Amino acid sequence: MKNLETIFHNFIFNYSKTMKLFLDTNVLLDFVMKRIDDASLEKFIALSIDSAYELYCADISITNMIYVLQKNNWKNEDIMLVVHALLEYIHLLSIDEEIYIEMMLFDSLWSDLEDMSQYICSKRS
């Protein structure tokens, strides 16, 4: 399986000079909880400092991440430090009423509604 860096690199370099990268909940959790041994997100955060990338995620991803971290017995202070650090580099996109309406129009095309909501949200970045 290709690593995240290769996949993101191939996808992003085909589109624009200021590259936009949408991060879903699992990518954030993989990074924060060190669930995989891949430094890709760290590299993208470093590149976002140099304005090579703009990082985005849906606002619900932060809420979901907080929930999972709490269920894994993380201390609230540690969770807030992580959230604060991430928000220095990641722009939040809201999943609003229009996105939910669009989801209703295309619900037969997706088996995972959460993935669909994040996909529609990412198109707006």
PDB file of N, CA and C in Angstrom:
ATOM      1  N   MET A   1       0.843  -1.192   0.000  1.00  0.00           N
ATOM      2  CA  MET A   1       0.000   0.000   0.000  1.00  0.00           C
ATOM      3  C   MET A   1       0.879   1.243   0.000  1.00  0.00           C
ATOM      4  N   LYS A   2       0.509   2.201  -0.814  1.00  0.00           N
ATOM      5  CA  LYS A   2       1.262   3.444  -0.856  1.00  0.00           C
ATOM      6  C   LYS A   2       1.101   4.175   0.462  1.00  0.00           C
ATOM      7  N   ASN A   3       2.146   4.903   0.851  1.00  0.00           N
ATOM      8  CA  ASN A   3       1.989   5.674   2.080  1.00  0.00           C
ATOM      9  C   ASN A   3       1.235   6.972   1.795  1.00  0.00           C
ATOM     10  N   LEU A   4       0.774   7.615   2.835  1.00  0.00           N
ATOM     11  CA  LEU A   4      -0.036   8.826   2.692  1.00  0.00           C
ATOM     12  C   LEU A   4       0.690   9.921   1.925  1.00  0.00           C
ATOM     13  N   GLU A   5       1.971  10.047   2.173  1.00  0.00           N
ATOM     14  CA  GLU A   5       2.732  11.111   1.520  1.00  0.00           C
ATOM     15  C   GLU A   5       2.694  10.946   0.002  1.00  0.00           C
ATOM     16  N   THR A   6       2.882   9.736  -0.484  1.00  0.00           N
ATOM     17  CA  THR A   6       2.863   9.483  -1.923  1.00  0.00           C
ATOM     18  C   THR A   6       1.502   9.783  -2.519  1.00  0.00           C
ATOM     19  N   ILE A   7       0.451   9.328  -1.855  1.00  0.00           N
ATOM     20  CA  ILE A   7      -0.907   9.549  -2.343  1.00  0.00           C
ATOM     21  C   ILE A   7      -1.205  11.045  -2.401  1.00  0.00           C
ATOM     22  N   PHE A   8      -0.941  11.771  -1.302  1.00  0.00           N
ATOM     23  CA  PHE A   8      -1.221  13.202  -1.255  1.00  0.00           C
ATOM     24  C   PHE A   8      -0.371  13.944  -2.288  1.00  0.00           C
ATOM     25  N   HIS A   9       0.901  13.583  -2.387  1.00  0.00           N
ATOM     26  CA  HIS A   9       1.801  14.244  -3.330  1.00  0.00           C
ATOM     27  C   HIS A   9       1.278  14.107  -4.754  1.00  0.00           C
ATOM     28  N   ASN A  10       0.922  12.903  -5.147  1.00  0.00           N
ATOM     29  CA  ASN A  10       0.440  12.671  -6.506  1.00  0.00           C
ATOM     30  C   ASN A  10      -0.863  13.417  -6.774  1.00  0.00           C
ATOM     31  N   PHE A  11      -1.736  13.465  -5.791  1.00  0.00           N
ATOM     32  CA  PHE A  11      -3.024  14.136  -5.964  1.00  0.00           C
ATOM     33  C   PHE A  11      -2.856  15.649  -6.036  1.00  0.00           C
ATOM     34  N   ILE A  12      -2.136  16.206  -5.099  1.00  0.00           N
ATOM     35  CA  ILE A  12      -2.076  17.651  -4.949  1.00  0.00           C
ATOM     36  C   ILE A  12      -1.239  18.318  -6.025  1.00  0.00           C
ATOM     37  N   PHE A  13      -0.120  17.747  -6.386  1.00  0.00           N
ATOM     38  CA  PHE A  13       0.757  18.410  -7.333  1.00  0.00           C
ATOM     39  C   PHE A  13       0.160  18.517  -8.720  1.00  0.00           C
ATOM     40  N   ASN A  14      -0.968  17.892  -8.938  1.00  0.00           N
ATOM     41  CA  ASN A  14      -1.630  17.998 -10.233  1.00  0.00           C
ATOM     42  C   ASN A  14      -2.614  19.161 -10.297  1.00  0.00           C
ATOM     43  N   TYR A  15      -2.818  19.903  -9.207  1.00  0.00           N
ATOM     44  CA  TYR A  15      -3.911  20.858  -9.182  1.00  0.00           C
ATOM     45  C   TYR A  15      -3.548  22.328  -9.059  1.00  0.00           C
ATOM     46  N   SER A  16      -2.694  22.708  -8.183  1.00  0.00           N
ATOM     47  CA  SER A  16      -2.465  24.148  -8.020  1.00  0.00           C
ATOM     48  C   SER A  16      -1.129  24.417  -7.359  1.00  0.00           C
ATOM     49  N   LYS A  17      -0.710  25.704  -7.440  1.00  0.00           N
ATOM     50  CA  LYS A  17       0.546  26.070  -6.793  1.00  0.00           C
ATOM     51  C   LYS A  17       0.390  26.117  -5.282  1.00  0.00           C
ATOM     52  N   THR A  18      -0.662  26.752  -4.789  1.00  0.00           N
ATOM     53  CA  THR A  18      -0.945  26.692  -3.367  1.00  0.00           C
ATOM     54  C   THR A  18      -1.852  25.492  -3.183  1.00  0.00           C
ATOM     55  N   MET A  19      -1.291  24.447  -2.689  1.00  0.00           N
ATOM     56  CA  MET A  19      -2.006  23.184  -2.624  1.00  0.00           C
ATOM     57  C   MET A  19      -2.885  23.118  -1.391  1.00  0.00           C
ATOM     58  N   LYS A  20      -4.093  22.658  -1.599  1.00  0.00           N
ATOM     59  CA  LYS A  20      -5.043  22.502  -0.507  1.00  0.00           C
ATOM     60  C   LYS A  20      -5.157  21.019  -0.182  1.00  0.00           C
ATOM     61  N   LEU A  21      -5.098  20.728   1.086  1.00  0.00           N
ATOM     62  CA  LEU A  21      -5.168  19.344   1.533  1.00  0.00           C
ATOM     63  C   LEU A  21      -6.267  19.229   2.577  1.00  0.00           C
ATOM     64  N   PHE A  22      -7.252  18.396   2.291  1.00  0.00           N
ATOM     65  CA  PHE A  22      -8.350  18.176   3.227  1.00  0.00           C
ATOM     66  C   PHE A  22      -8.041  16.935   4.053  1.00  0.00           C
ATOM     67  N   LEU A  23      -8.083  17.094   5.363  1.00  0.00           N
ATOM     68  CA  LEU A  23      -7.772  16.004   6.286  1.00  0.00           C
ATOM     69  C   LEU A  23      -9.058  15.493   6.917  1.00  0.00           C
ATOM     70  N   ASP A  24      -9.281  14.197   6.854  1.00  0.00           N
ATOM     71  CA  ASP A  24     -10.469  13.673   7.515  1.00  0.00           C
ATOM     72  C   ASP A  24     -10.129  13.262   8.947  1.00  0.00           C
ATOM     73  N   THR A  25     -11.137  12.846   9.673  1.00  0.00           N
ATOM     74  CA  THR A  25     -10.977  12.522  11.086  1.00  0.00           C
ATOM     75  C   THR A  25      -9.913  11.452  11.309  1.00  0.00           C
ATOM     76  N   ASN A  26      -9.933  10.420  10.487  1.00  0.00           N
ATOM     77  CA  ASN A  26      -8.976   9.328  10.687  1.00  0.00           C
ATOM     78  C   ASN A  26      -7.535   9.754  10.471  1.00  0.00           C
ATOM     79  N   VAL A  27      -7.294  10.648   9.532  1.00  0.00           N
ATOM     80  CA  VAL A  27      -5.932  11.149   9.321  1.00  0.00           C
ATOM     81  C   VAL A  27      -5.473  11.916  10.562  1.00  0.00           C
ATOM     82  N   LEU A  28      -6.358  12.749  11.108  1.00  0.00           N
ATOM     83  CA  LEU A  28      -6.011  13.488  12.330  1.00  0.00           C
ATOM     84  C   LEU A  28      -5.731  12.534  13.481  1.00  0.00           C
ATOM     85  N   LEU A  29      -6.585  11.524  13.636  1.00  0.00           N
ATOM     86  CA  LEU A  29      -6.390  10.563  14.724  1.00  0.00           C
ATOM     87  C   LEU A  29      -5.120   9.747  14.531  1.00  0.00           C
ATOM     88  N   ASP A  30      -4.832   9.349  13.304  1.00  0.00           N
ATOM     89  CA  ASP A  30      -3.593   8.612  13.034  1.00  0.00           C
ATOM     90  C   ASP A  30      -2.388   9.434  13.467  1.00  0.00           C
ATOM     91  N   PHE A  31      -2.435  10.725  13.156  1.00  0.00           N
ATOM     92  CA  PHE A  31      -1.336  11.623  13.495  1.00  0.00           C
ATOM     93  C   PHE A  31      -1.234  11.834  15.010  1.00  0.00           C
ATOM     94  N   VAL A  32      -2.329  12.193  15.631  1.00  0.00           N
ATOM     95  CA  VAL A  32      -2.315  12.547  17.053  1.00  0.00           C
ATOM     96  C   VAL A  32      -2.031  11.332  17.932  1.00  0.00           C
ATOM     97  N   MET A  33      -2.640  10.202  17.591  1.00  0.00           N
ATOM     98  CA  MET A  33      -2.494   9.002  18.412  1.00  0.00           C
ATOM     99  C   MET A  33      -1.326   8.123  17.957  1.00  0.00           C
ATOM    100  N   LYS A  34      -0.635   8.578  16.912  1.00  0.00           N
ATOM    101  CA  LYS A  34       0.493   7.824  16.365  1.00  0.00           C
ATOM    102  C   LYS A  34       0.090   6.378  16.065  1.00  0.00           C
ATOM    103  N   ARG A  35      -1.075   6.257  15.396  1.00  0.00           N
ATOM    104  CA  ARG A  35      -1.604   4.926  15.087  1.00  0.00           C
ATOM    105  C   ARG A  35      -0.876   4.276  13.922  1.00  0.00           C
ATOM    106  N   ILE A  36      -0.234   5.087  13.095  1.00  0.00           N
ATOM    107  CA  ILE A  36       0.567   4.534  12.004  1.00  0.00           C
ATOM    108  C   ILE A  36       1.937   5.185  12.049  1.00  0.00           C
ATOM    109  N   ASP A  37       2.902   4.493  11.534  1.00  0.00           N
ATOM    110  CA  ASP A  37       4.269   5.012  11.522  1.00  0.00           C
ATOM    111  C   ASP A  37       4.514   5.714  10.189  1.00  0.00           C
ATOM    112  N   ASP A  38       3.957   6.916  10.062  1.00  0.00           N
ATOM    113  CA  ASP A  38       4.075   7.663   8.820  1.00  0.00           C
ATOM    114  C   ASP A  38       4.148   9.143   9.187  1.00  0.00           C
ATOM    115  N   ALA A  39       5.207   9.779   8.808  1.00  0.00           N
ATOM    116  CA  ALA A  39       5.420  11.188   9.175  1.00  0.00           C
ATOM    117  C   ALA A  39       4.848  12.149   8.146  1.00  0.00           C
ATOM    118  N   SER A  40       3.950  11.679   7.291  1.00  0.00           N
ATOM    119  CA  SER A  40       3.438  12.508   6.205  1.00  0.00           C
ATOM    120  C   SER A  40       2.767  13.777   6.703  1.00  0.00           C
ATOM    121  N   LEU A  41       1.853  13.657   7.675  1.00  0.00           N
ATOM    122  CA  LEU A  41       1.142  14.843   8.132  1.00  0.00           C
ATOM    123  C   LEU A  41       2.099  15.841   8.763  1.00  0.00           C
ATOM    124  N   GLU A  42       3.100  15.362   9.478  1.00  0.00           N
ATOM    125  CA  GLU A  42       4.100  16.269  10.039  1.00  0.00           C
ATOM    126  C   GLU A  42       4.786  17.063   8.927  1.00  0.00           C
ATOM    127  N   LYS A  43       5.082  16.392   7.812  1.00  0.00           N
ATOM    128  CA  LYS A  43       5.717  17.080   6.681  1.00  0.00           C
ATOM    129  C   LYS A  43       4.772  18.103   6.074  1.00  0.00           C
ATOM    130  N   PHE A  44       3.475  17.755   5.956  1.00  0.00           N
ATOM    131  CA  PHE A  44       2.519  18.700   5.388  1.00  0.00           C
ATOM    132  C   PHE A  44       2.326  19.900   6.302  1.00  0.00           C
ATOM    133  N   ILE A  45       2.332  19.691   7.606  1.00  0.00           N
ATOM    134  CA  ILE A  45       2.226  20.813   8.544  1.00  0.00           C
ATOM    135  C   ILE A  45       3.461  21.705   8.395  1.00  0.00           C
ATOM    136  N   ALA A  46       4.625  21.096   8.293  1.00  0.00           N
ATOM    137  CA  ALA A  46       5.844  21.884   8.095  1.00  0.00           C
ATOM    138  C   ALA A  46       5.761  22.679   6.798  1.00  0.00           C
ATOM    139  N   LEU A  47       5.264  22.049   5.743  1.00  0.00           N
ATOM    140  CA  LEU A  47       5.133  22.754   4.466  1.00  0.00           C
ATOM    141  C   LEU A  47       4.052  23.829   4.520  1.00  0.00           C
ATOM    142  N   SER A  48       3.032  23.649   5.362  1.00  0.00           N
ATOM    143  CA  SER A  48       1.993  24.673   5.472  1.00  0.00           C
ATOM    144  C   SER A  48       2.550  25.938   6.108  1.00  0.00           C
ATOM    145  N   ILE A  49       3.548  25.779   6.944  1.00  0.00           N
ATOM    146  CA  ILE A  49       4.202  26.950   7.539  1.00  0.00           C
ATOM    147  C   ILE A  49       4.855  27.785   6.444  1.00  0.00           C
ATOM    148  N   ASP A  50       5.396  27.112   5.435  1.00  0.00           N
ATOM    149  CA  ASP A  50       6.033  27.798   4.310  1.00  0.00           C
ATOM    150  C   ASP A  50       5.046  28.154   3.206  1.00  0.00           C
ATOM    151  N   SER A  51       3.763  27.997   3.466  1.00  0.00           N
ATOM    152  CA  SER A  51       2.686  28.322   2.529  1.00  0.00           C
ATOM    153  C   SER A  51       2.653  27.435   1.282  1.00  0.00           C
ATOM    154  N   ALA A  52       3.279  26.280   1.333  1.00  0.00           N
ATOM    155  CA  ALA A  52       3.205  25.358   0.201  1.00  0.00           C
ATOM    156  C   ALA A  52       1.867  24.624   0.212  1.00  0.00           C
ATOM    157  N   TYR A  53       1.310  24.445   1.386  1.00  0.00           N
ATOM    158  CA  TYR A  53       0.031  23.761   1.544  1.00  0.00           C
ATOM    159  C   TYR A  53      -0.905  24.598   2.404  1.00  0.00           C
ATOM    160  N   GLU A  54      -2.190  24.465   2.126  1.00  0.00           N
ATOM    161  CA  GLU A  54      -3.219  24.960   3.032  1.00  0.00           C
ATOM    162  C   GLU A  54      -3.947  23.718   3.528  1.00  0.00           C
ATOM    163  N   LEU A  55      -3.978  23.534   4.821  1.00  0.00           N
ATOM    164  CA  LEU A  55      -4.600  22.349   5.406  1.00  0.00           C
ATOM    165  C   LEU A  55      -6.005  22.685   5.885  1.00  0.00           C
ATOM    166  N   TYR A  56      -6.949  21.790   5.599  1.00  0.00           N
ATOM    167  CA  TYR A  56      -8.348  21.978   5.970  1.00  0.00           C
ATOM    168  C   TYR A  56      -8.889  20.698   6.594  1.00  0.00           C
ATOM    169  N   CYS A  57      -9.894  20.875   7.443  1.00  0.00           N
ATOM    170  CA  CYS A  57     -10.683  19.736   7.908  1.00  0.00           C
ATOM    171  C   CYS A  57     -12.079  20.246   8.259  1.00  0.00           C
ATOM    172  N   ALA A  58     -13.015  19.325   8.302  1.00  0.00           N
ATOM    173  CA  ALA A  58     -14.375  19.680   8.713  1.00  0.00           C
ATOM    174  C   ALA A  58     -14.386  19.913  10.218  1.00  0.00           C
ATOM    175  N   ASP A  59     -15.184  20.856  10.645  1.00  0.00           N
ATOM    176  CA  ASP A  59     -15.251  21.153  12.081  1.00  0.00           C
ATOM    177  C   ASP A  59     -15.658  19.923  12.895  1.00  0.00           C
ATOM    178  N   ILE A  60     -16.485  19.078  12.317  1.00  0.00           N
ATOM    179  CA  ILE A  60     -16.925  17.878  13.027  1.00  0.00           C
ATOM    180  C   ILE A  60     -15.757  16.916  13.273  1.00  0.00           C
ATOM    181  N   SER A  61     -14.710  17.001  12.460  1.00  0.00           N
ATOM    182  CA  SER A  61     -13.543  16.140  12.660  1.00  0.00           C
ATOM    183  C   SER A  61     -12.853  16.437  13.990  1.00  0.00           C
ATOM    184  N   ILE A  62     -12.819  17.702  14.350  1.00  0.00           N
ATOM    185  CA  ILE A  62     -12.206  18.073  15.640  1.00  0.00           C
ATOM    186  C   ILE A  62     -13.052  17.522  16.784  1.00  0.00           C
ATOM    187  N   THR A  63     -14.364  17.670  16.671  1.00  0.00           N
ATOM    188  CA  THR A  63     -15.258  17.128  17.703  1.00  0.00           C
ATOM    189  C   THR A  63     -15.120  15.615  17.801  1.00  0.00           C
ATOM    190  N   ASN A  64     -15.087  14.940  16.654  1.00  0.00           N
ATOM    191  CA  ASN A  64     -14.935  13.487  16.658  1.00  0.00           C
ATOM    192  C   ASN A  64     -13.594  13.068  17.251  1.00  0.00           C
ATOM    193  N   MET A  65     -12.549  13.812  16.928  1.00  0.00           N
ATOM    194  CA  MET A  65     -11.224  13.516  17.464  1.00  0.00           C
ATOM    195  C   MET A  65     -11.220  13.660  18.987  1.00  0.00           C
ATOM    196  N   ILE A  66     -11.833  14.724  19.483  1.00  0.00           N
ATOM    197  CA  ILE A  66     -11.918  14.933  20.936  1.00  0.00           C
ATOM    198  C   ILE A  66     -12.639  13.757  21.593  1.00  0.00           C
ATOM    199  N   TYR A  67     -13.743  13.334  21.001  1.00  0.00           N
ATOM    200  CA  TYR A  67     -14.515  12.207  21.537  1.00  0.00           C
ATOM    201  C   TYR A  67     -13.646  10.942  21.615  1.00  0.00           C
ATOM    202  N   VAL A  68     -12.947  10.625  20.536  1.00  0.00           N
ATOM    203  CA  VAL A  68     -12.124   9.409  20.501  1.00  0.00           C
ATOM    204  C   VAL A  68     -10.982   9.509  21.513  1.00  0.00           C
ATOM    205  N   LEU A  69     -10.350  10.672  21.607  1.00  0.00           N
ATOM    206  CA  LEU A  69      -9.262  10.829  22.567  1.00  0.00           C
ATOM    207  C   LEU A  69      -9.764  10.666  23.998  1.00  0.00           C
ATOM    208  N   GLN A  70     -10.933  11.212  24.307  1.00  0.00           N
ATOM    209  CA  GLN A  70     -11.502  11.037  25.650  1.00  0.00           C
ATOM    210  C   GLN A  70     -11.806   9.571  25.932  1.00  0.00           C
ATOM    211  N   LYS A  71     -12.337   8.863  24.936  1.00  0.00           N
ATOM    212  CA  LYS A  71     -12.633   7.434  25.100  1.00  0.00           C
ATOM    213  C   LYS A  71     -11.361   6.612  25.271  1.00  0.00           C
ATOM    214  N   ASN A  72     -10.235   7.172  24.837  1.00  0.00           N
ATOM    215  CA  ASN A  72      -8.945   6.505  25.010  1.00  0.00           C
ATOM    216  C   ASN A  72      -8.185   7.046  26.216  1.00  0.00           C
ATOM    217  N   ASN A  73      -8.940   7.650  27.137  1.00  0.00           N
ATOM    218  CA  ASN A  73      -8.433   8.108  28.437  1.00  0.00           C
ATOM    219  C   ASN A  73      -7.377   9.206  28.364  1.00  0.00           C
ATOM    220  N   TRP A  74      -7.466  10.048  27.345  1.00  0.00           N
ATOM    221  CA  TRP A  74      -6.598  11.211  27.304  1.00  0.00           C
ATOM    222  C   TRP A  74      -7.124  12.242  28.301  1.00  0.00           C
ATOM    223  N   LYS A  75      -6.225  12.983  28.908  1.00  0.00           N
ATOM    224  CA  LYS A  75      -6.607  14.059  29.817  1.00  0.00           C
ATOM    225  C   LYS A  75      -7.119  15.239  28.996  1.00  0.00           C
ATOM    226  N   ASN A  76      -8.121  15.926  29.544  1.00  0.00           N
ATOM    227  CA  ASN A  76      -8.695  17.086  28.850  1.00  0.00           C
ATOM    228  C   ASN A  76      -7.634  18.141  28.518  1.00  0.00           C
ATOM    229  N   GLU A  77      -6.694  18.352  29.448  1.00  0.00           N
ATOM    230  CA  GLU A  77      -5.655  19.360  29.195  1.00  0.00           C
ATOM    231  C   GLU A  77      -4.815  18.974  27.987  1.00  0.00           C
ATOM    232  N   ASP A  78      -4.493  17.685  27.867  1.00  0.00           N
ATOM    233  CA  ASP A  78      -3.696  17.220  26.728  1.00  0.00           C
ATOM    234  C   ASP A  78      -4.483  17.342  25.427  1.00  0.00           C
ATOM    235  N   ILE A  79      -5.765  17.031  25.489  1.00  0.00           N
ATOM    236  CA  ILE A  79      -6.611  17.151  24.294  1.00  0.00           C
ATOM    237  C   ILE A  79      -6.660  18.601  23.829  1.00  0.00           C
ATOM    238  N   MET A  80      -6.842  19.515  24.754  1.00  0.00           N
ATOM    239  CA  MET A  80      -6.931  20.927  24.385  1.00  0.00           C
ATOM    240  C   MET A  80      -5.605  21.441  23.819  1.00  0.00           C
ATOM    241  N   LEU A  81      -4.486  20.946  24.335  1.00  0.00           N
ATOM    242  CA  LEU A  81      -3.185  21.330  23.780  1.00  0.00           C
ATOM    243  C   LEU A  81      -3.057  20.851  22.333  1.00  0.00           C
ATOM    244  N   VAL A  82      -3.511  19.627  22.069  1.00  0.00           N
ATOM    245  CA  VAL A  82      -3.460  19.076  20.713  1.00  0.00           C
ATOM    246  C   VAL A  82      -4.357  19.887  19.780  1.00  0.00           C
ATOM    247  N   VAL A  83      -5.581  20.160  20.226  1.00  0.00           N
ATOM    248  CA  VAL A  83      -6.517  20.924  19.396  1.00  0.00           C
ATOM    249  C   VAL A  83      -5.940  22.302  19.096  1.00  0.00           C
ATOM    250  N   HIS A  84      -5.421  22.957  20.106  1.00  0.00           N
ATOM    251  CA  HIS A  84      -4.833  24.287  19.913  1.00  0.00           C
ATOM    252  C   HIS A  84      -3.688  24.229  18.904  1.00  0.00           C
ATOM    253  N   ALA A  85      -2.822  23.247  19.034  1.00  0.00           N
ATOM    254  CA  ALA A  85      -1.687  23.122  18.117  1.00  0.00           C
ATOM    255  C   ALA A  85      -2.161  22.860  16.688  1.00  0.00           C
ATOM    256  N   LEU A  86      -3.143  21.972  16.518  1.00  0.00           N
ATOM    257  CA  LEU A  86      -3.648  21.669  15.175  1.00  0.00           C
ATOM    258  C   LEU A  86      -4.287  22.891  14.521  1.00  0.00           C
ATOM    259  N   LEU A  87      -5.042  23.653  15.312  1.00  0.00           N
ATOM    260  CA  LEU A  87      -5.757  24.797  14.749  1.00  0.00           C
ATOM    261  C   LEU A  87      -4.833  25.943  14.354  1.00  0.00           C
ATOM    262  N   GLU A  88      -3.583  25.875  14.760  1.00  0.00           N
ATOM    263  CA  GLU A  88      -2.619  26.863  14.284  1.00  0.00           C
ATOM    264  C   GLU A  88      -2.296  26.648  12.806  1.00  0.00           C
ATOM    265  N   TYR A  89      -2.522  25.425  12.325  1.00  0.00           N
ATOM    266  CA  TYR A  89      -2.129  25.069  10.959  1.00  0.00           C
ATOM    267  C   TYR A  89      -3.283  24.632  10.070  1.00  0.00           C
ATOM    268  N   ILE A  90      -4.405  24.273  10.670  1.00  0.00           N
ATOM    269  CA  ILE A  90      -5.517  23.707   9.913  1.00  0.00           C
ATOM    270  C   ILE A  90      -6.703  24.657   9.946  1.00  0.00           C
ATOM    271  N   HIS A  91      -7.261  24.942   8.760  1.00  0.00           N
ATOM    272  CA  HIS A  91      -8.461  25.766   8.648  1.00  0.00           C
ATOM    273  C   HIS A  91      -9.689  24.866   8.807  1.00  0.00           C
ATOM    274  N   LEU A  92     -10.665  25.335   9.573  1.00  0.00           N
ATOM    275  CA  LEU A  92     -11.888  24.558   9.759  1.00  0.00           C
ATOM    276  C   LEU A  92     -12.942  24.952   8.735  1.00  0.00           C
ATOM    277  N   LEU A  93     -13.618  23.950   8.211  1.00  0.00           N
ATOM    278  CA  LEU A  93     -14.750  24.153   7.313  1.00  0.00           C
ATOM    279  C   LEU A  93     -15.992  23.641   8.010  1.00  0.00           C
ATOM    280  N   SER A  94     -17.058  24.418   7.939  1.00  0.00           N
ATOM    281  CA  SER A  94     -18.298  24.022   8.600  1.00  0.00           C
ATOM    282  C   SER A  94     -19.152  23.158   7.686  1.00  0.00           C
ATOM    283  N   ILE A  95     -19.730  22.158   8.288  1.00  0.00           N
ATOM    284  CA  ILE A  95     -20.729  21.361   7.579  1.00  0.00           C
ATOM    285  C   ILE A  95     -22.065  22.020   7.908  1.00  0.00           C
ATOM    286  N   ASP A  96     -22.589  22.745   6.928  1.00  0.00           N
ATOM    287  CA  ASP A  96     -23.785  23.542   7.155  1.00  0.00           C
ATOM    288  C   ASP A  96     -25.019  22.900   6.513  1.00  0.00           C
ATOM    289  N   GLU A  97     -26.102  23.634   6.559  1.00  0.00           N
ATOM    290  CA  GLU A  97     -27.379  23.148   6.028  1.00  0.00           C
ATOM    291  C   GLU A  97     -27.290  22.748   4.558  1.00  0.00           C
ATOM    292  N   GLU A  98     -26.573  23.545   3.771  1.00  0.00           N
ATOM    293  CA  GLU A  98     -26.446  23.240   2.338  1.00  0.00           C
ATOM    294  C   GLU A  98     -25.749  21.900   2.101  1.00  0.00           C
ATOM    295  N   ILE A  99     -24.776  21.598   2.913  1.00  0.00           N
ATOM    296  CA  ILE A  99     -24.081  20.312   2.765  1.00  0.00           C
ATOM    297  C   ILE A  99     -25.018  19.160   3.083  1.00  0.00           C
ATOM    298  N   TYR A 100     -25.823  19.310   4.133  1.00  0.00           N
ATOM    299  CA  TYR A 100     -26.777  18.246   4.468  1.00  0.00           C
ATOM    300  C   TYR A 100     -27.825  18.068   3.368  1.00  0.00           C
ATOM    301  N   ILE A 101     -28.246  19.160   2.765  1.00  0.00           N
ATOM    302  CA  ILE A 101     -29.197  19.067   1.650  1.00  0.00           C
ATOM    303  C   ILE A 101     -28.546  18.351   0.469  1.00  0.00           C
ATOM    304  N   GLU A 102     -27.314  18.702   0.164  1.00  0.00           N
ATOM    305  CA  GLU A 102     -26.599  18.026  -0.921  1.00  0.00           C
ATOM    306  C   GLU A 102     -26.422  16.536  -0.613  1.00  0.00           C
ATOM    307  N   MET A 103     -26.189  16.216   0.659  1.00  0.00           N
ATOM    308  CA  MET A 103     -26.071  14.806   1.051  1.00  0.00           C
ATOM    309  C   MET A 103     -27.354  14.045   0.743  1.00  0.00           C
ATOM    310  N   MET A 104     -28.489  14.669   0.990  1.00  0.00           N
ATOM    311  CA  MET A 104     -29.775  14.012   0.728  1.00  0.00           C
ATOM    312  C   MET A 104     -29.957  13.725  -0.755  1.00  0.00           C
ATOM    313  N   LEU A 105     -29.416  14.594  -1.601  1.00  0.00           N
ATOM    314  CA  LEU A 105     -29.552  14.403  -3.042  1.00  0.00           C
ATOM    315  C   LEU A 105     -28.709  13.240  -3.556  1.00  0.00           C
ATOM    316  N   PHE A 106     -27.601  12.963  -2.878  1.00  0.00           N
ATOM    317  CA  PHE A 106     -26.667  11.960  -3.371  1.00  0.00           C
ATOM    318  C   PHE A 106     -26.509  10.767  -2.436  1.00  0.00           C
ATOM    319  N   ASP A 107     -27.443  10.577  -1.516  1.00  0.00           N
ATOM    320  CA  ASP A 107     -27.262   9.535  -0.510  1.00  0.00           C
ATOM    321  C   ASP A 107     -27.182   8.126  -1.090  1.00  0.00           C
ATOM    322  N   SER A 108     -27.755   7.892  -2.248  1.00  0.00           N
ATOM    323  CA  SER A 108     -27.700   6.555  -2.835  1.00  0.00           C
ATOM    324  C   SER A 108     -26.317   6.234  -3.415  1.00  0.00           C
ATOM    325  N   LEU A 109     -25.478   7.258  -3.605  1.00  0.00           N
ATOM    326  CA  LEU A 109     -24.153   7.047  -4.176  1.00  0.00           C
ATOM    327  C   LEU A 109     -23.097   6.703  -3.131  1.00  0.00           C
ATOM    328  N   TRP A 110     -23.415   6.891  -1.865  1.00  0.00           N
ATOM    329  CA  TRP A 110     -22.443   6.697  -0.800  1.00  0.00           C
ATOM    330  C   TRP A 110     -22.972   5.722   0.237  1.00  0.00           C
ATOM    331  N   SER A 111     -22.137   4.827   0.678  1.00  0.00           N
ATOM    332  CA  SER A 111     -22.544   3.931   1.758  1.00  0.00           C
ATOM    333  C   SER A 111     -22.179   4.513   3.125  1.00  0.00           C
ATOM    334  N   ASP A 112     -21.212   5.426   3.148  1.00  0.00           N
ATOM    335  CA  ASP A 112     -20.752   6.021   4.395  1.00  0.00           C
ATOM    336  C   ASP A 112     -21.112   7.510   4.391  1.00  0.00           C
ATOM    337  N   LEU A 113     -22.130   7.866   5.160  1.00  0.00           N
ATOM    338  CA  LEU A 113     -22.599   9.258   5.167  1.00  0.00           C
ATOM    339  C   LEU A 113     -21.556  10.218   5.725  1.00  0.00           C
ATOM    340  N   GLU A 114     -20.781   9.778   6.690  1.00  0.00           N
ATOM    341  CA  GLU A 114     -19.754  10.647   7.258  1.00  0.00           C
ATOM    342  C   GLU A 114     -18.703  10.968   6.200  1.00  0.00           C
ATOM    343  N   ASP A 115     -18.294   9.969   5.426  1.00  0.00           N
ATOM    344  CA  ASP A 115     -17.348  10.221   4.339  1.00  0.00           C
ATOM    345  C   ASP A 115     -17.937  11.178   3.315  1.00  0.00           C
ATOM    346  N   MET A 116     -19.215  10.982   3.005  1.00  0.00           N
ATOM    347  CA  MET A 116     -19.869  11.849   2.023  1.00  0.00           C
ATOM    348  C   MET A 116     -19.909  13.292   2.529  1.00  0.00           C
ATOM    349  N   SER A 117     -20.234  13.500   3.798  1.00  0.00           N
ATOM    350  CA  SER A 117     -20.299  14.867   4.322  1.00  0.00           C
ATOM    351  C   SER A 117     -18.937  15.540   4.249  1.00  0.00           C
ATOM    352  N   GLN A 118     -17.877  14.782   4.548  1.00  0.00           N
ATOM    353  CA  GLN A 118     -16.541  15.366   4.488  1.00  0.00           C
ATOM    354  C   GLN A 118     -16.109  15.612   3.043  1.00  0.00           C
ATOM    355  N   TYR A 119     -16.508  14.734   2.136  1.00  0.00           N
ATOM    356  CA  TYR A 119     -16.182  14.943   0.724  1.00  0.00           C
ATOM    357  C   TYR A 119     -16.837  16.226   0.206  1.00  0.00           C
ATOM    358  N   ILE A 120     -18.122  16.395   0.494  1.00  0.00           N
ATOM    359  CA  ILE A 120     -18.835  17.596   0.039  1.00  0.00           C
ATOM    360  C   ILE A 120     -18.211  18.838   0.682  1.00  0.00           C
ATOM    361  N   CYS A 121     -17.892  18.740   1.950  1.00  0.00           N
ATOM    362  CA  CYS A 121     -17.254  19.853   2.649  1.00  0.00           C
ATOM    363  C   CYS A 121     -15.905  20.187   2.008  1.00  0.00           C
ATOM    364  N   SER A 122     -15.147  19.173   1.635  1.00  0.00           N
ATOM    365  CA  SER A 122     -13.820  19.407   1.057  1.00  0.00           C
ATOM    366  C   SER A 122     -13.897  20.113  -0.295  1.00  0.00           C
ATOM    367  N   LYS A 123     -14.967  19.875  -1.038  1.00  0.00           N
ATOM    368  CA  LYS A 123     -15.118  20.529  -2.336  1.00  0.00           C
ATOM    369  C   LYS A 123     -15.238  22.038  -2.190  1.00  0.00           C
ATOM    370  N   ARG A 124     -15.628  22.493  -1.028  1.00  0.00           N
ATOM    371  CA  ARG A 124     -15.820  23.933  -0.802  1.00  0.00           C
ATOM    372  C   ARG A 124     -14.541  24.647  -0.371  1.00  0.00           C
ATOM    373  N   SER A 125     -13.506  23.904  -0.093  1.00  0.00           N
ATOM    374  CA  SER A 125     -12.279  24.549   0.397  1.00  0.00           C
ATOM    375  C   SER A 125     -11.541  25.263  -0.704  1.00  0.00           C
TER     376      SER A 125
END
